[in-house]
Amino acid sequence: MEDNSLKSIDIDLNAAQNGELNEGYFTALGGQIQLLMKIMFGGSSAVPVSIRGTRGQLDSFTRTMAGEKKYMDAFNRYGLGDKRTFASKHRLDSAVANFERATGLKWPLK
């Protein structure tokens, strides 16, 4: 089992505006979001988290993370072909589009 207690999550949602985008940033962003998802599904909660951005960016990030969780919950509970899962996926896609507009970043989970 992986020990996440030594890791920290540090996400800068202003990276696009600050000209800090490169392959390393996107790799790190994907890994950090993956770790946050593990925490949301019952993993370690002792991981320090720092997310920087404007209020709009933070709100869109929060909505997108919540959408990911709701979609995975619906998928696990009802299966891929259920209308509730489709509806959850549609809401997630909308949240992802809003996140990408607000931050200029591509959502790493597709």
Protein backbone atom coordinates (compact mmCIF):
# COMPACT_ATOMS: atom_id res chain seq x y z
CA MET A 1 0.00 0.00 0.00
CA GLU A 2 1.28 3.44 -0.91
CA ASP A 3 2.07 5.81 1.97
CA ASN A 4 0.44 9.16 1.12
CA SER A 5 1.18 10.73 4.51
CA LEU A 6 4.52 12.09 3.29
CA LYS A 7 3.06 13.78 0.21
CA SER A 8 1.46 17.15 -0.05
CA ILE A 9 -0.91 18.58 -2.61
CA ASP A 10 -0.05 22.01 -3.98
CA ILE A 11 -2.12 23.19 -6.95
CA ASP A 12 -1.81 26.61 -8.59
CA LEU A 13 -4.87 27.28 -10.75
CA ASN A 14 -3.21 30.47 -12.08
CA ALA A 15 -0.44 28.55 -13.82
CA ALA A 16 -1.83 29.30 -17.30
CA GLN A 17 -2.01 33.04 -16.60
CA ASN A 18 1.46 32.99 -15.06
CA GLY A 19 3.02 31.21 -18.06
CA GLU A 20 4.05 28.20 -15.96
CA LEU A 21 2.50 25.50 -18.14
CA ASN A 22 4.73 22.66 -19.24
CA GLU A 23 4.57 18.87 -19.33
CA GLY A 24 5.83 18.64 -15.76
CA TYR A 25 3.03 20.88 -14.51
CA PHE A 26 0.34 18.77 -16.20
CA THR A 27 1.88 15.55 -14.90
CA ALA A 28 1.98 16.95 -11.36
CA LEU A 29 -1.59 18.31 -11.65
CA GLY A 30 -2.90 14.91 -12.75
CA GLY A 31 -1.10 13.15 -9.90
CA GLN A 32 -2.31 15.64 -7.32
CA ILE A 33 -5.92 15.40 -8.49
CA GLN A 34 -5.63 11.61 -8.46
CA LEU A 35 -4.42 11.78 -4.84
CA LEU A 36 -7.32 14.11 -3.94
CA MET A 37 -9.74 11.61 -5.50
CA LYS A 38 -8.25 8.81 -3.37
CA ILE A 39 -8.78 10.95 -0.28
CA MET A 40 -12.38 11.67 -1.32
CA PHE A 41 -13.03 7.92 -1.62
CA GLY A 42 -11.79 7.13 1.86
CA GLY A 43 -8.02 7.26 1.65
CA SER A 44 -5.68 9.09 3.99
CA SER A 45 -6.89 12.48 5.09
CA ALA A 46 -3.60 13.58 6.68
CA VAL A 47 -2.28 15.08 3.45
CA PRO A 48 -1.60 18.83 3.51
CA VAL A 49 -3.52 20.55 0.69
CA SER A 50 -2.89 24.00 -0.80
CA ILE A 51 -4.92 25.18 -3.79
CA ARG A 52 -4.32 28.71 -5.09
CA GLY A 53 -6.43 30.68 -7.54
CA THR A 54 -9.16 33.24 -7.84
CA ARG A 55 -12.53 32.69 -6.13
CA GLY A 56 -14.04 31.69 -9.50
CA GLN A 57 -11.23 29.23 -10.20
CA LEU A 58 -11.53 27.69 -6.75
CA ASP A 59 -15.32 27.40 -7.09
CA SER A 60 -15.04 25.72 -10.50
CA PHE A 61 -12.35 23.35 -9.16
CA THR A 62 -14.56 22.41 -6.20
CA ARG A 63 -17.59 21.81 -8.44
CA THR A 64 -15.52 19.67 -10.80
CA MET A 65 -14.06 17.56 -7.99
CA ALA A 66 -17.55 17.09 -6.52
CA GLY A 67 -18.80 16.15 -9.99
CA GLU A 68 -16.06 13.53 -10.35
CA LYS A 69 -17.07 11.98 -7.03
CA LYS A 70 -20.79 12.00 -7.86
CA TYR A 71 -20.12 10.42 -11.25
CA MET A 72 -17.96 7.66 -9.75
CA ASP A 73 -20.56 7.04 -7.03
CA ALA A 74 -23.32 6.77 -9.67
CA PHE A 75 -21.17 4.50 -11.84
CA ASN A 76 -20.40 2.21 -8.90
CA ARG A 77 -23.99 2.15 -7.68
CA TYR A 78 -26.00 1.98 -10.92
CA GLY A 79 -23.55 0.96 -13.64
CA LEU A 80 -22.52 2.74 -16.80
CA GLY A 81 -25.78 2.27 -18.73
CA ASP A 82 -28.13 3.79 -16.15
CA LYS A 83 -29.81 7.14 -16.86
CA ARG A 84 -28.67 8.49 -13.47
CA THR A 85 -25.07 7.76 -14.40
CA PHE A 86 -25.54 9.49 -17.77
CA ALA A 87 -27.05 12.53 -16.04
CA SER A 88 -24.14 12.62 -13.58
CA LYS A 89 -21.65 12.41 -16.47
CA HIS A 90 -23.41 15.28 -18.24
CA ARG A 91 -23.17 17.46 -15.11
CA LEU A 92 -19.50 16.51 -14.74
CA ASP A 93 -18.79 17.44 -18.38
CA SER A 94 -20.39 20.84 -17.77
CA ALA A 95 -18.30 21.37 -14.62
CA VAL A 96 -15.12 20.39 -16.52
CA ALA A 97 -15.91 22.89 -19.30
CA ASN A 98 -16.44 25.62 -16.71
CA PHE A 99 -13.16 24.70 -14.98
CA GLU A 100 -11.26 24.85 -18.26
CA ARG A 101 -12.75 28.27 -19.11
CA ALA A 102 -12.03 29.67 -15.64
CA THR A 103 -8.44 28.43 -15.41
CA GLY A 104 -7.18 27.97 -18.97
CA LEU A 105 -6.10 24.47 -17.88
CA LYS A 106 -7.20 21.15 -19.35
CA TRP A 107 -8.88 18.89 -16.79
CA PRO A 108 -6.51 15.91 -16.53
CA LEU A 109 -9.19 13.26 -15.88
CA LYS A 110 -11.16 12.36 -19.01
